[in-house]
């Protein structure tokens, strides 16, 4: 059974794929928030080593940005 952090990492990974790349995901997050995490922070989160809170924020921001595209 997968834990919550793994589920968040998989969901974030799918959203980054929809964005096209981690750099494009950064630009989308920045368009929503006016600021964005670093590429390495997204990379760590996609691999499941970010905090749950940071992962959740990235997911929410990407979902909002992709909805507006």
C-alpha atoms as a PDB file:
ATOM      1  CA  UNK A   1       0.000   0.000   0.000  1.00  0.00           C
ATOM      2  CA  UNK A   2       1.340   3.399  -0.957  1.00  0.00           C
ATOM      3  CA  UNK A   3       1.623   6.092   1.646  1.00  0.00           C
ATOM      4  CA  UNK A   4       0.359   9.654   1.357  1.00  0.00           C
ATOM      5  CA  UNK A   5       3.759  11.084   0.395  1.00  0.00           C
ATOM      6  CA  UNK A   6       4.135   8.596  -2.464  1.00  0.00           C
ATOM      7  CA  UNK A   7       0.652   9.487  -3.722  1.00  0.00           C
ATOM      8  CA  UNK A   8       1.528  13.186  -3.665  1.00  0.00           C
ATOM      9  CA  UNK A   9       4.798  12.530  -5.505  1.00  0.00           C
ATOM     10  CA  UNK A  10       2.997  10.558  -8.216  1.00  0.00           C
ATOM     11  CA  UNK A  11       0.326  13.222  -8.614  1.00  0.00           C
ATOM     12  CA  UNK A  12       2.974  15.957  -8.827  1.00  0.00           C
ATOM     13  CA  UNK A  13       4.948  13.931 -11.352  1.00  0.00           C
ATOM     14  CA  UNK A  14       1.858  13.572 -13.541  1.00  0.00           C
ATOM     15  CA  UNK A  15       1.195  17.324 -13.382  1.00  0.00           C
ATOM     16  CA  UNK A  16       4.812  18.140 -14.251  1.00  0.00           C
ATOM     17  CA  UNK A  17       4.484  15.807 -17.234  1.00  0.00           C
ATOM     18  CA  UNK A  18       1.309  17.628 -18.303  1.00  0.00           C
ATOM     19  CA  UNK A  19       3.188  20.919 -18.038  1.00  0.00           C
ATOM     20  CA  UNK A  20       5.855  19.526 -20.368  1.00  0.00           C
ATOM     21  CA  UNK A  21       8.937  19.787 -18.141  1.00  0.00           C
ATOM     22  CA  UNK A  22      10.056  20.899 -14.703  1.00  0.00           C
ATOM     23  CA  UNK A  23      11.102  24.293 -16.078  1.00  0.00           C
ATOM     24  CA  UNK A  24       7.688  24.781 -17.692  1.00  0.00           C
ATOM     25  CA  UNK A  25       6.056  23.715 -14.420  1.00  0.00           C
ATOM     26  CA  UNK A  26       8.097  26.422 -12.651  1.00  0.00           C
ATOM     27  CA  UNK A  27       6.834  29.046 -15.076  1.00  0.00           C
ATOM     28  CA  UNK A  28       3.246  27.890 -14.568  1.00  0.00           C
ATOM     29  CA  UNK A  29       3.563  28.036 -10.779  1.00  0.00           C
ATOM     30  CA  UNK A  30       5.125  31.484 -11.058  1.00  0.00           C
ATOM     31  CA  UNK A  31       2.199  32.637 -13.222  1.00  0.00           C
ATOM     32  CA  UNK A  32      -0.192  31.658 -10.428  1.00  0.00           C
ATOM     33  CA  UNK A  33       1.796  32.701  -7.342  1.00  0.00           C
ATOM     34  CA  UNK A  34       4.187  35.354  -8.595  1.00  0.00           C
ATOM     35  CA  UNK A  35       7.008  33.199  -7.251  1.00  0.00           C
ATOM     36  CA  UNK A  36       8.027  29.579  -7.656  1.00  0.00           C
ATOM     37  CA  UNK A  37      10.104  26.866  -6.007  1.00  0.00           C
ATOM     38  CA  UNK A  38      13.488  26.048  -7.447  1.00  0.00           C
ATOM     39  CA  UNK A  39      13.858  23.371 -10.107  1.00  0.00           C
ATOM     40  CA  UNK A  40      15.735  21.227  -7.591  1.00  0.00           C
ATOM     41  CA  UNK A  41      12.853  21.559  -5.097  1.00  0.00           C
ATOM     42  CA  UNK A  42      10.422  20.281  -7.725  1.00  0.00           C
ATOM     43  CA  UNK A  43      12.844  17.496  -8.630  1.00  0.00           C
ATOM     44  CA  UNK A  44      13.099  16.403  -4.980  1.00  0.00           C
ATOM     45  CA  UNK A  45       9.319  16.576  -4.546  1.00  0.00           C
ATOM     46  CA  UNK A  46       8.692  14.474  -7.659  1.00  0.00           C
ATOM     47  CA  UNK A  47      11.061  11.870  -6.197  1.00  0.00           C
ATOM     48  CA  UNK A  48       9.119  11.921  -2.914  1.00  0.00           C
ATOM     49  CA  UNK A  49      11.697  13.636  -0.725  1.00  0.00           C
ATOM     50  CA  UNK A  50       9.978  16.999  -0.348  1.00  0.00           C
ATOM     51  CA  UNK A  51       7.702  17.886   2.536  1.00  0.00           C
ATOM     52  CA  UNK A  52       4.043  16.979   2.193  1.00  0.00           C
ATOM     53  CA  UNK A  53       3.115  20.636   2.561  1.00  0.00           C
ATOM     54  CA  UNK A  54       5.449  21.779  -0.233  1.00  0.00           C
ATOM     55  CA  UNK A  55       4.257  18.969  -2.475  1.00  0.00           C
ATOM     56  CA  UNK A  56       0.625  19.852  -1.803  1.00  0.00           C
ATOM     57  CA  UNK A  57       1.275  23.543  -2.598  1.00  0.00           C
ATOM     58  CA  UNK A  58       3.025  22.666  -5.873  1.00  0.00           C
ATOM     59  CA  UNK A  59       0.150  20.366  -6.846  1.00  0.00           C
ATOM     60  CA  UNK A  60      -2.491  23.005  -6.086  1.00  0.00           C
ATOM     61  CA  UNK A  61      -0.608  25.694  -8.003  1.00  0.00           C
ATOM     62  CA  UNK A  62      -0.018  23.461 -11.024  1.00  0.00           C
ATOM     63  CA  UNK A  63      -3.642  22.313 -11.084  1.00  0.00           C
ATOM     64  CA  UNK A  64      -4.788  25.939 -11.058  1.00  0.00           C
ATOM     65  CA  UNK A  65      -2.302  26.976 -13.755  1.00  0.00           C
ATOM     66  CA  UNK A  66      -3.130  24.043 -16.029  1.00  0.00           C
ATOM     67  CA  UNK A  67      -6.856  24.676 -15.597  1.00  0.00           C
ATOM     68  CA  UNK A  68      -6.318  28.252 -16.832  1.00  0.00           C
ATOM     69  CA  UNK A  69      -4.351  27.245 -19.928  1.00  0.00           C
END
